[in-house]
N, C-alpha and C. Protein backbone atom coordinates (compact mmCIF):
# COMPACT_ATOMS: atom_id res chain seq x y z
N MET A 1 -16.11 82.21 35.66
CA MET A 1 -14.58 82.44 36.19
C MET A 1 -14.18 82.96 34.73
N PRO A 2 -13.71 84.15 34.79
CA PRO A 2 -13.03 84.78 33.57
C PRO A 2 -11.86 84.09 32.79
N ASN A 3 -11.17 83.58 33.84
CA ASN A 3 -9.46 83.10 33.39
C ASN A 3 -9.70 81.38 33.60
N GLU A 4 -9.25 80.78 32.13
CA GLU A 4 -9.14 79.25 32.37
C GLU A 4 -7.99 78.87 31.53
N ILE A 5 -7.62 77.67 31.98
CA ILE A 5 -6.58 76.99 30.97
C ILE A 5 -7.24 76.11 29.97
N GLU A 6 -6.90 76.14 28.78
CA GLU A 6 -7.34 75.34 27.78
C GLU A 6 -6.34 74.49 27.31
N ILE A 7 -6.38 73.24 27.31
CA ILE A 7 -5.69 72.14 27.02
C ILE A 7 -6.42 71.24 25.77
N GLU A 8 -5.82 71.28 24.61
CA GLU A 8 -6.65 70.64 23.68
C GLU A 8 -5.77 70.21 22.60
N PHE A 9 -6.05 68.98 22.18
CA PHE A 9 -5.25 68.19 20.85
C PHE A 9 -6.15 68.32 19.62
N LYS A 10 -5.43 68.73 18.52
CA LYS A 10 -6.25 68.73 17.12
C LYS A 10 -5.34 68.40 16.34
N ASN A 11 -5.91 67.93 15.15
CA ASN A 11 -5.51 67.56 13.94
C ASN A 11 -6.64 67.85 12.75
N LEU A 12 -5.99 68.41 11.71
CA LEU A 12 -7.07 68.52 10.57
C LEU A 12 -7.20 67.18 9.87
N LEU A 13 -8.18 66.96 9.08
CA LEU A 13 -8.56 65.84 8.66
C LEU A 13 -8.84 66.04 7.21
N GLU A 14 -8.90 65.33 6.21
CA GLU A 14 -9.45 65.18 5.04
C GLU A 14 -11.05 64.71 5.13
N GLN A 15 -11.89 65.20 3.88
CA GLN A 15 -13.21 65.37 4.31
C GLN A 15 -13.72 63.80 4.26
N GLU A 16 -13.17 62.65 3.82
CA GLU A 16 -13.29 61.34 4.02
C GLU A 16 -12.96 60.99 5.28
N GLU A 17 -11.66 61.36 5.94
CA GLU A 17 -11.53 60.79 7.34
C GLU A 17 -12.77 61.40 8.18
N PHE A 18 -12.99 62.73 7.98
CA PHE A 18 -14.04 63.42 8.81
C PHE A 18 -15.47 62.74 8.97
N GLU A 19 -15.78 62.38 7.66
CA GLU A 19 -17.15 61.49 7.46
C GLU A 19 -17.03 60.02 7.92
N ASN A 20 -16.10 59.64 7.61
CA ASN A 20 -15.72 58.00 8.58
C ASN A 20 -15.88 58.40 10.25
N LEU A 21 -15.09 59.35 10.74
CA LEU A 21 -15.45 59.58 12.06
C LEU A 21 -16.93 59.86 12.64
N LEU A 22 -17.47 60.65 11.87
CA LEU A 22 -19.02 61.13 12.26
C LEU A 22 -19.90 59.47 12.01
N ALA A 23 -19.72 58.93 11.39
CA ALA A 23 -20.23 57.59 10.93
C ALA A 23 -19.87 56.94 12.02
N SER A 24 -18.68 56.74 12.70
CA SER A 24 -18.03 55.71 13.43
C SER A 24 -18.70 56.12 15.12
N PHE A 25 -19.05 57.41 15.37
CA PHE A 25 -19.21 57.86 16.28
C PHE A 25 -20.91 58.21 16.37
N GLN A 26 -21.54 58.06 15.09
CA GLN A 26 -22.92 57.96 15.26
C GLN A 26 -23.18 59.50 15.19
N ILE A 27 -22.58 60.49 14.87
CA ILE A 27 -22.97 61.94 14.61
C ILE A 27 -23.78 62.33 13.30
N GLN A 28 -24.88 62.88 13.94
CA GLN A 28 -25.64 63.34 12.76
C GLN A 28 -25.84 64.79 12.59
N GLU A 29 -26.65 65.05 11.41
CA GLU A 29 -26.54 66.64 11.28
C GLU A 29 -27.06 67.25 12.41
N GLN A 30 -28.25 66.79 13.07
CA GLN A 30 -28.69 67.61 13.97
C GLN A 30 -27.63 67.80 15.28
N ASN A 31 -26.73 67.13 15.37
CA ASN A 31 -26.04 67.04 16.70
C ASN A 31 -24.84 68.16 16.33
N PHE A 32 -24.82 69.00 15.31
CA PHE A 32 -24.08 70.12 15.09
C PHE A 32 -24.94 71.32 15.48
N ILE A 33 -23.88 72.19 15.88
CA ILE A 33 -24.19 73.85 16.34
C ILE A 33 -23.39 74.59 15.81
N THR A 34 -23.98 75.68 14.88
CA THR A 34 -23.13 76.49 14.35
C THR A 34 -22.51 77.74 15.21
N GLN A 35 -21.37 78.16 15.13
CA GLN A 35 -20.85 79.30 15.83
C GLN A 35 -20.07 80.20 15.10
N GLU A 36 -19.74 81.31 15.29
CA GLU A 36 -19.22 82.22 14.09
C GLU A 36 -18.16 82.76 15.32
N ASN A 37 -16.95 82.91 14.64
CA ASN A 37 -15.68 83.61 15.32
C ASN A 37 -15.60 84.80 14.67
N TYR A 38 -15.50 86.13 15.21
CA TYR A 38 -14.59 87.34 14.42
C TYR A 38 -13.47 87.68 15.06
N TYR A 39 -12.42 87.82 14.02
CA TYR A 39 -11.12 87.93 14.56
C TYR A 39 -10.44 89.28 14.46
N PHE A 40 -9.77 89.71 15.74
CA PHE A 40 -9.06 91.40 15.66
C PHE A 40 -7.73 91.01 15.95
N ASP A 41 -7.08 92.16 15.55
CA ASP A 41 -5.71 92.39 15.76
C ASP A 41 -5.10 93.92 15.18
N THR A 42 -4.33 94.18 15.53
CA THR A 42 -3.77 95.64 14.86
C THR A 42 -3.57 95.30 13.48
N PRO A 43 -3.36 96.40 12.59
CA PRO A 43 -2.67 96.41 11.25
C PRO A 43 -1.39 95.69 11.12
N ASP A 44 -0.66 95.78 12.20
CA ASP A 44 0.60 95.56 12.29
C ASP A 44 1.04 94.16 13.21
N PHE A 45 -0.21 93.38 13.49
CA PHE A 45 -0.31 92.38 13.99
C PHE A 45 0.23 92.11 15.53
N GLN A 46 0.08 93.18 16.26
CA GLN A 46 0.81 93.12 17.70
C GLN A 46 0.24 91.94 18.45
N LEU A 47 -1.04 91.37 18.46
CA LEU A 47 -1.29 90.38 18.84
C LEU A 47 -0.85 89.02 18.49
N LYS A 48 -0.70 88.87 17.39
CA LYS A 48 -0.21 87.73 16.56
C LYS A 48 1.29 87.47 16.81
N GLU A 49 2.13 88.93 16.88
CA GLU A 49 3.68 88.90 17.39
C GLU A 49 3.70 88.22 18.74
N LYS A 50 2.76 88.25 19.48
CA LYS A 50 2.80 88.00 20.97
C LYS A 50 2.39 86.75 21.26
N ASN A 51 2.04 85.98 20.12
CA ASN A 51 1.14 84.64 20.11
C ASN A 51 -0.24 84.54 20.88
N CYS A 52 -0.83 85.76 20.49
CA CYS A 52 -2.29 85.80 21.11
C CYS A 52 -3.07 86.05 20.28
N ALA A 53 -4.37 85.91 20.54
CA ALA A 53 -5.48 85.97 19.72
C ALA A 53 -6.90 86.31 20.21
N LEU A 54 -7.44 87.41 19.67
CA LEU A 54 -8.55 88.20 20.16
C LEU A 54 -9.90 87.61 19.27
N ARG A 55 -11.09 87.25 19.96
CA ARG A 55 -12.13 87.14 19.15
C ARG A 55 -13.32 87.25 19.77
N ILE A 56 -14.34 87.55 19.12
CA ILE A 56 -15.88 87.35 19.54
C ILE A 56 -16.23 86.05 18.95
N ARG A 57 -17.15 85.06 20.02
CA ARG A 57 -17.93 83.86 19.52
C ARG A 57 -19.34 84.47 19.57
N CYS A 58 -20.04 84.04 18.59
CA CYS A 58 -21.30 83.96 18.42
C CYS A 58 -21.92 82.57 18.51
N LYS A 59 -22.62 82.26 19.47
CA LYS A 59 -23.00 80.93 19.68
C LYS A 59 -24.51 80.78 20.36
N GLN A 60 -25.55 80.36 19.41
CA GLN A 60 -26.86 80.27 20.05
C GLN A 60 -27.36 81.48 20.46
N GLY A 61 -27.21 82.44 19.98
CA GLY A 61 -27.53 83.87 20.36
C GLY A 61 -26.81 84.51 21.47
N ASN A 62 -25.69 84.29 21.96
CA ASN A 62 -24.83 84.28 22.79
C ASN A 62 -23.41 84.75 22.66
N PHE A 63 -22.77 85.92 23.13
CA PHE A 63 -21.76 86.66 22.57
C PHE A 63 -20.53 86.44 23.83
N GLU A 64 -19.44 86.08 23.41
CA GLU A 64 -18.25 86.11 24.11
C GLU A 64 -17.21 86.71 23.98
N LEU A 65 -16.34 87.61 24.21
CA LEU A 65 -15.18 88.23 23.78
C LEU A 65 -14.01 87.41 24.51
N THR A 66 -12.95 87.14 23.86
CA THR A 66 -11.92 85.94 24.56
C THR A 66 -10.64 86.36 23.79
N LEU A 67 -9.77 86.62 24.82
CA LEU A 67 -8.40 86.65 24.57
C LEU A 67 -7.54 85.48 25.14
N LYS A 68 -6.72 84.73 23.82
CA LYS A 68 -5.95 83.57 24.24
C LYS A 68 -4.60 83.97 24.31
N GLN A 69 -3.95 83.78 25.56
CA GLN A 69 -2.49 84.03 25.33
C GLN A 69 -1.85 82.52 25.88
N PRO A 70 -0.25 82.44 25.50
CA PRO A 70 0.26 81.25 25.59
C PRO A 70 0.34 81.06 27.21
N HIS A 71 0.49 79.75 27.70
CA HIS A 71 0.34 79.54 29.01
C HIS A 71 1.74 78.31 29.30
N THR A 72 2.18 78.14 30.49
CA THR A 72 3.03 77.00 30.52
C THR A 72 2.70 75.62 29.73
N VAL A 73 1.05 75.24 30.06
CA VAL A 73 0.82 74.20 29.39
C VAL A 73 -0.85 74.58 28.84
N GLY A 74 -0.82 74.47 27.42
CA GLY A 74 -2.08 75.06 27.02
C GLY A 74 -1.86 76.47 26.66
N LEU A 75 -3.28 76.95 26.86
CA LEU A 75 -3.59 78.56 26.41
C LEU A 75 -4.37 79.21 27.87
N LEU A 76 -3.82 80.14 28.11
CA LEU A 76 -4.72 81.07 28.94
C LEU A 76 -5.99 81.86 28.31
N GLU A 77 -7.26 81.52 28.53
CA GLU A 77 -8.12 82.10 27.88
C GLU A 77 -9.04 82.90 28.99
N THR A 78 -9.05 84.60 28.51
CA THR A 78 -9.79 85.40 29.30
C THR A 78 -11.20 85.68 28.73
N ASN A 79 -12.16 85.22 29.38
CA ASN A 79 -13.60 85.07 28.87
C ASN A 79 -14.27 86.34 29.33
N GLN A 80 -15.24 87.16 28.44
CA GLN A 80 -15.94 88.15 28.92
C GLN A 80 -17.34 88.22 27.88
N PRO A 81 -18.29 87.49 28.92
CA PRO A 81 -19.74 87.87 28.23
C PRO A 81 -20.01 89.03 27.78
N ILE A 82 -20.60 89.39 26.54
CA ILE A 82 -20.87 90.54 26.12
C ILE A 82 -22.39 90.41 25.57
N ASP A 83 -23.04 91.56 25.10
CA ASP A 83 -24.27 91.41 24.63
C ASP A 83 -24.28 91.84 23.05
N ALA A 84 -25.17 91.54 22.38
CA ALA A 84 -25.10 91.51 21.25
C ALA A 84 -25.12 93.06 20.67
N ALA A 85 -25.54 93.86 21.11
CA ALA A 85 -25.22 95.16 20.62
C ALA A 85 -23.85 95.63 20.96
N CYS A 86 -23.09 95.27 22.35
CA CYS A 86 -21.57 95.49 22.17
C CYS A 86 -21.02 94.42 21.47
N ALA A 87 -21.30 93.38 20.97
CA ALA A 87 -20.46 92.80 20.23
C ALA A 87 -20.20 93.43 18.78
N HIS A 88 -21.77 93.91 18.17
CA HIS A 88 -21.63 94.76 17.17
C HIS A 88 -20.83 95.90 17.01
N LYS A 89 -20.74 96.44 18.34
CA LYS A 89 -19.99 97.79 18.32
C LYS A 89 -18.55 97.42 18.14
N ILE A 90 -18.16 96.18 18.95
CA ILE A 90 -16.91 95.83 18.70
C ILE A 90 -16.37 95.52 17.19
N ILE A 91 -17.22 94.76 16.60
CA ILE A 91 -16.79 94.40 15.05
C ILE A 91 -17.05 95.64 14.24
N GLU A 92 -17.86 96.54 14.40
CA GLU A 92 -17.97 97.70 13.56
C GLU A 92 -16.70 98.77 13.67
N ASP A 93 -17.27 99.13 15.02
CA ASP A 93 -16.01 100.16 15.45
C ASP A 93 -14.77 100.07 16.18
N SER A 94 -14.66 98.61 16.51
CA SER A 94 -13.36 98.13 17.22
C SER A 94 -13.28 98.72 18.75
N GLN A 95 -14.24 99.24 19.23
CA GLN A 95 -14.33 99.56 20.53
C GLN A 95 -14.20 98.52 21.73
N ILE A 96 -13.23 98.29 22.16
CA ILE A 96 -13.09 97.11 23.56
C ILE A 96 -13.55 97.66 24.71
N PRO A 97 -14.67 97.33 25.04
CA PRO A 97 -15.36 97.51 26.36
C PRO A 97 -14.42 97.49 27.60
N LEU A 98 -14.92 97.96 28.81
CA LEU A 98 -14.06 97.70 29.91
C LEU A 98 -14.27 96.56 30.38
N GLY A 99 -13.24 95.73 31.12
CA GLY A 99 -13.41 94.53 31.71
C GLY A 99 -12.41 93.63 31.78
N GLU A 100 -12.25 92.38 32.00
CA GLU A 100 -11.15 91.66 31.97
C GLU A 100 -10.16 91.51 30.81
N VAL A 101 -10.75 91.57 29.61
CA VAL A 101 -10.05 91.24 28.40
C VAL A 101 -9.48 92.63 27.88
N ARG A 102 -9.80 93.54 28.24
CA ARG A 102 -9.41 95.14 28.10
C ARG A 102 -8.09 94.96 29.04
N GLU A 103 -8.13 94.82 30.25
CA GLU A 103 -7.09 94.79 31.32
C GLU A 103 -6.08 94.28 30.72
N GLN A 104 -6.47 92.60 30.39
CA GLN A 104 -5.15 91.87 29.93
C GLN A 104 -4.38 92.41 28.45
N LEU A 105 -5.27 93.17 27.48
CA LEU A 105 -4.60 94.02 26.44
C LEU A 105 -3.61 95.06 26.74
N ASN A 106 -3.96 95.68 28.17
CA ASN A 106 -3.22 96.96 28.52
C ASN A 106 -1.99 96.34 29.29
N LYS A 107 -2.24 95.16 29.86
CA LYS A 107 -0.66 94.70 30.28
C LYS A 107 0.12 93.65 29.29
N LEU A 108 -0.53 93.48 28.33
CA LEU A 108 0.11 93.17 27.05
C LEU A 108 0.99 94.32 26.30
N GLN A 109 0.35 95.40 26.66
CA GLN A 109 0.70 96.74 25.97
C GLN A 109 0.59 96.80 24.54
N VAL A 110 -0.76 96.27 24.13
CA VAL A 110 -1.43 96.40 22.82
C VAL A 110 -1.99 97.57 22.64
N ASN A 111 -1.91 98.31 21.72
CA ASN A 111 -2.67 99.51 21.17
C ASN A 111 -4.05 99.06 21.12
N ILE A 112 -4.83 99.33 21.87
CA ILE A 112 -6.43 98.93 21.88
C ILE A 112 -6.95 99.87 20.82
N ASN A 113 -6.74 101.17 20.63
CA ASN A 113 -7.03 102.11 19.69
C ASN A 113 -6.67 101.47 18.11
N LYS A 114 -5.94 100.77 17.82
CA LYS A 114 -5.65 100.22 16.59
C LYS A 114 -6.06 98.80 16.34
N ILE A 115 -6.93 98.34 17.34
CA ILE A 115 -7.54 97.07 17.04
C ILE A 115 -8.69 96.71 16.06
N GLN A 116 -8.57 96.21 15.40
CA GLN A 116 -9.82 95.91 14.32
C GLN A 116 -10.13 94.63 13.78
N CYS A 117 -11.24 94.45 13.44
CA CYS A 117 -12.07 93.21 13.04
C CYS A 117 -11.21 92.80 11.45
N PHE A 118 -10.74 91.63 11.40
CA PHE A 118 -9.85 91.13 10.15
C PHE A 118 -11.14 90.23 9.58
N GLY A 119 -12.15 89.78 9.89
CA GLY A 119 -13.07 88.99 9.30
C GLY A 119 -13.78 87.71 10.53
N SER A 120 -14.48 87.03 9.65
CA SER A 120 -15.17 85.79 10.70
C SER A 120 -14.66 84.41 9.96
N LEU A 121 -14.94 83.70 10.84
CA LEU A 121 -14.75 82.10 10.55
C LEU A 121 -16.07 81.51 11.07
N GLN A 122 -16.84 80.76 10.46
CA GLN A 122 -18.04 79.92 10.83
C GLN A 122 -17.49 78.59 11.18
N THR A 123 -18.12 77.97 12.14
CA THR A 123 -17.79 76.47 12.23
C THR A 123 -19.14 75.84 12.46
N LYS A 124 -19.08 74.73 11.84
CA LYS A 124 -20.19 73.81 12.40
C LYS A 124 -19.81 72.63 13.20
N ARG A 125 -20.34 72.44 14.79
CA ARG A 125 -19.42 71.89 15.77
C ARG A 125 -20.43 70.79 16.26
N ALA A 126 -19.85 69.48 16.63
CA ALA A 126 -20.56 68.66 17.19
C ALA A 126 -19.55 68.14 18.36
N GLU A 127 -20.16 67.95 19.73
CA GLU A 127 -19.37 67.38 20.57
C GLU A 127 -19.89 66.22 21.59
N ILE A 128 -18.69 65.35 21.87
CA ILE A 128 -19.30 64.20 22.58
C ILE A 128 -18.02 63.90 23.77
N PRO A 129 -18.76 63.32 24.90
CA PRO A 129 -17.60 63.07 25.90
C PRO A 129 -17.01 61.76 25.59
N TYR A 130 -15.70 61.88 25.71
CA TYR A 130 -14.95 60.70 25.35
C TYR A 130 -13.69 60.58 26.31
N HIS A 131 -13.69 59.17 26.72
CA HIS A 131 -12.76 58.95 27.99
C HIS A 131 -12.65 60.32 28.94
N GLU A 132 -11.74 60.82 29.13
CA GLU A 132 -11.65 61.81 30.17
C GLU A 132 -11.95 63.21 29.86
N GLY A 133 -12.41 63.38 28.53
CA GLY A 133 -12.57 64.88 27.92
C GLY A 133 -13.50 65.02 27.07
N ILE A 134 -13.57 65.87 26.23
CA ILE A 134 -14.67 66.24 24.85
C ILE A 134 -13.99 65.93 23.83
N LEU A 135 -14.69 65.06 22.90
CA LEU A 135 -13.98 65.18 21.14
C LEU A 135 -14.87 65.90 20.62
N VAL A 136 -14.34 66.86 19.86
CA VAL A 136 -15.07 67.91 18.93
C VAL A 136 -14.82 67.62 17.73
N PHE A 137 -15.70 67.58 16.99
CA PHE A 137 -15.69 67.66 15.29
C PHE A 137 -16.12 69.04 14.79
N ASP A 138 -15.45 69.76 13.83
CA ASP A 138 -15.56 70.91 13.35
C ASP A 138 -15.24 70.77 11.90
N SER A 139 -16.30 71.64 11.25
CA SER A 139 -16.16 71.69 9.85
C SER A 139 -16.50 73.13 9.71
N SER A 140 -14.90 73.88 9.15
CA SER A 140 -15.24 75.33 9.11
C SER A 140 -15.16 76.06 8.10
N TYR A 141 -15.63 77.57 7.64
CA TYR A 141 -15.80 77.93 6.44
C TYR A 141 -15.25 79.36 6.61
N TYR A 142 -14.10 79.78 5.75
CA TYR A 142 -13.53 81.24 6.16
C TYR A 142 -12.97 81.50 4.69
N LEU A 143 -12.71 82.60 4.30
CA LEU A 143 -12.37 83.18 3.26
C LEU A 143 -12.40 82.37 2.03
N HIS A 144 -13.64 81.86 1.59
CA HIS A 144 -13.90 81.06 0.40
C HIS A 144 -13.34 79.46 0.74
N GLN A 145 -12.65 79.18 1.76
CA GLN A 145 -11.86 78.07 2.36
C GLN A 145 -13.14 76.96 3.00
N GLN A 146 -12.81 75.74 3.35
CA GLN A 146 -13.48 74.87 4.21
C GLN A 146 -12.49 73.96 4.43
N ASP A 147 -12.37 73.58 5.77
CA ASP A 147 -11.54 72.70 6.61
C ASP A 147 -12.24 71.95 7.58
N PHE A 148 -11.75 70.60 7.77
CA PHE A 148 -12.18 69.75 8.63
C PHE A 148 -11.21 69.20 9.79
N GLU A 149 -11.78 69.14 11.25
CA GLU A 149 -10.80 69.01 11.87
C GLU A 149 -11.39 68.40 13.13
N ILE A 150 -10.57 67.55 13.99
CA ILE A 150 -10.88 66.90 15.09
C ILE A 150 -9.85 67.50 16.29
N GLU A 151 -10.78 68.06 17.45
CA GLU A 151 -9.96 68.30 18.62
C GLU A 151 -10.52 67.50 19.67
N TYR A 152 -9.77 67.35 20.84
CA TYR A 152 -9.86 66.54 22.10
C TYR A 152 -9.40 67.41 23.42
N GLU A 153 -10.46 67.80 23.81
CA GLU A 153 -10.26 69.15 24.83
C GLU A 153 -10.26 68.16 26.30
N VAL A 154 -9.37 68.31 27.33
CA VAL A 154 -9.18 67.78 28.42
C VAL A 154 -8.38 68.73 29.43
N ASN A 155 -8.46 67.91 30.73
CA ASN A 155 -7.81 68.73 31.77
C ASN A 155 -6.46 68.42 32.29
N GLN A 156 -5.99 67.35 31.59
CA GLN A 156 -4.67 66.66 31.73
C GLN A 156 -3.78 66.30 30.73
N TYR A 157 -3.11 67.15 30.53
CA TYR A 157 -2.09 66.75 29.06
C TYR A 157 -1.66 65.48 28.87
N ASP A 158 -1.09 64.59 29.72
CA ASP A 158 -0.79 63.24 29.48
C ASP A 158 -1.88 62.32 28.99
N ILE A 159 -2.82 62.64 29.78
CA ILE A 159 -3.82 61.61 29.67
C ILE A 159 -4.69 62.10 28.15
N GLY A 160 -4.64 63.24 27.92
CA GLY A 160 -5.48 63.50 26.70
C GLY A 160 -4.48 63.25 25.58
N GLN A 161 -2.93 63.31 25.53
CA GLN A 161 -2.29 63.09 24.60
C GLN A 161 -2.61 61.50 24.21
N LYS A 162 -2.25 60.55 25.17
CA LYS A 162 -2.44 59.25 25.00
C LYS A 162 -3.54 58.86 24.75
N TYR A 163 -5.16 59.31 24.70
CA TYR A 163 -6.17 58.83 24.33
C TYR A 163 -6.31 59.68 22.61
N PHE A 164 -5.90 60.66 22.52
CA PHE A 164 -5.89 61.43 21.48
C PHE A 164 -5.21 60.66 20.22
N PHE A 165 -3.69 60.42 20.55
CA PHE A 165 -2.93 59.60 19.66
C PHE A 165 -3.41 57.91 19.41
N GLN A 166 -4.00 57.44 20.44
CA GLN A 166 -4.76 56.23 20.16
C GLN A 166 -5.89 56.19 19.35
N LEU A 167 -6.76 57.32 19.19
CA LEU A 167 -7.70 57.54 18.34
C LEU A 167 -7.35 57.82 16.90
N LEU A 168 -6.28 58.67 16.80
CA LEU A 168 -5.71 58.70 15.21
C LEU A 168 -5.26 57.38 14.75
N LYS A 169 -4.43 56.80 15.84
CA LYS A 169 -3.99 55.31 15.23
C LYS A 169 -4.88 54.31 14.73
N GLU A 170 -6.27 54.18 15.56
CA GLU A 170 -7.21 53.48 15.18
C GLU A 170 -8.05 53.78 14.03
N PHE A 171 -7.93 55.02 13.65
CA PHE A 171 -8.69 55.28 12.56
C PHE A 171 -7.71 55.33 11.34
N ASN A 172 -6.51 55.26 11.42
CA ASN A 172 -5.41 55.05 10.20
C ASN A 172 -5.30 56.70 9.86
N ILE A 173 -5.31 57.71 10.91
CA ILE A 173 -5.39 58.84 10.33
C ILE A 173 -3.77 59.65 10.94
N PRO A 174 -3.29 60.06 9.77
CA PRO A 174 -1.83 60.49 10.22
C PRO A 174 -1.85 61.87 10.88
N LYS A 175 -0.92 61.90 12.14
CA LYS A 175 -0.69 62.85 12.79
C LYS A 175 -0.31 64.25 11.74
N ARG A 176 -0.95 65.28 11.70
CA ARG A 176 -0.82 66.39 10.84
C ARG A 176 -0.62 67.78 11.94
N THR A 177 0.61 68.49 11.58
CA THR A 177 0.74 69.77 12.09
C THR A 177 -0.34 70.52 12.22
N THR A 178 -0.99 70.75 12.83
CA THR A 178 -2.63 71.73 12.95
C THR A 178 -2.22 73.15 13.63
N ASP A 179 -2.47 74.07 12.81
CA ASP A 179 -2.51 75.52 13.47
C ASP A 179 -3.81 75.55 13.91
N ASN A 180 -4.24 76.42 15.09
CA ASN A 180 -5.52 76.70 15.76
C ASN A 180 -5.96 77.60 14.47
N LYS A 181 -7.36 77.75 14.55
CA LYS A 181 -8.22 78.31 13.60
C LYS A 181 -7.90 79.88 13.23
N ILE A 182 -7.33 80.42 14.24
CA ILE A 182 -7.29 81.84 13.85
C ILE A 182 -5.90 81.70 13.17
N GLN A 183 -4.91 80.82 13.31
CA GLN A 183 -3.56 80.93 12.55
C GLN A 183 -3.88 80.59 11.16
N ARG A 184 -4.96 79.46 11.13
CA ARG A 184 -5.19 79.40 9.67
C ARG A 184 -5.81 80.36 8.99
N PHE A 185 -6.84 80.99 9.83
CA PHE A 185 -7.30 82.10 9.06
C PHE A 185 -6.46 83.40 8.37
N TYR A 186 -5.09 83.62 9.38
CA TYR A 186 -4.46 84.76 9.03
C TYR A 186 -3.73 84.23 7.98
N LYS A 187 -3.18 83.08 7.97
CA LYS A 187 -2.48 82.43 6.79
C LYS A 187 -3.38 82.79 5.40
N GLU A 188 -4.44 82.24 5.59
CA GLU A 188 -5.25 82.23 4.23
C GLU A 188 -5.44 83.74 3.62
N LYS A 189 -5.74 84.65 4.84
CA LYS A 189 -5.96 86.07 4.44
C LYS A 189 -4.47 86.56 4.09
N LEU A 190 -3.41 86.25 4.62
CA LEU A 190 -2.35 86.70 3.94
C LEU A 190 -1.71 86.02 2.66
N ARG A 191 -2.17 84.81 2.49
CA ARG A 191 -2.02 84.32 0.87
C ARG A 191 -2.90 84.92 -0.10
N GLN A 192 -4.35 85.31 0.37
CA GLN A 192 -5.13 85.82 -0.80
C GLN A 192 -4.72 87.53 -0.86
N LYS A 193 -3.95 87.89 0.19
CA LYS A 193 -3.43 89.37 0.09
C LYS A 193 -2.22 89.47 -1.02
N LYS A 194 -1.67 88.45 -1.06
CA LYS A 194 -0.55 88.39 -1.95
C LYS A 194 -0.78 88.07 -3.46
N HIS A 195 -1.77 87.41 -3.61
CA HIS A 195 -2.45 87.50 -5.25
C HIS A 195 -3.48 88.30 -5.77
């Protein structure tokens, strides 16, 4: 199914907090999978202005083109599997293929011809079942930066919020306002551009 609703809670972590969680949940190095996200927008940030995000994710040799849009609860994700050749064509030539993602971009009235790749973010990720969702441990590298994050992916907002805040409290982790990865990527890109 190309469209799905994403409900997740996230919190940035200090490295020590991240390592403490890994130890507590017995997450080992071999539990991590590396994935790489390539981010796209127009030079005048037409997608960002609409609070949308466009990416290609490469994970274990598989590629997926994803458009994220605001939704009543969480985000609406439009996912389109693509092959490696198509992914490289999009990254290098910004040619968005026919399909669900292109249709959504047209509905948003985004100028497809101006879309370009802004760079990539690499994440080492481990996931475990946790209560009624998936607990995700992320260490991300982008634009000479590294950050650590915990996410909790759920189907029901209220239940997810309850378990996520209990977890933060249990490990004495302060609730931090946490932008998603693409927002953090763009903020750092803009910060570096100014210097």
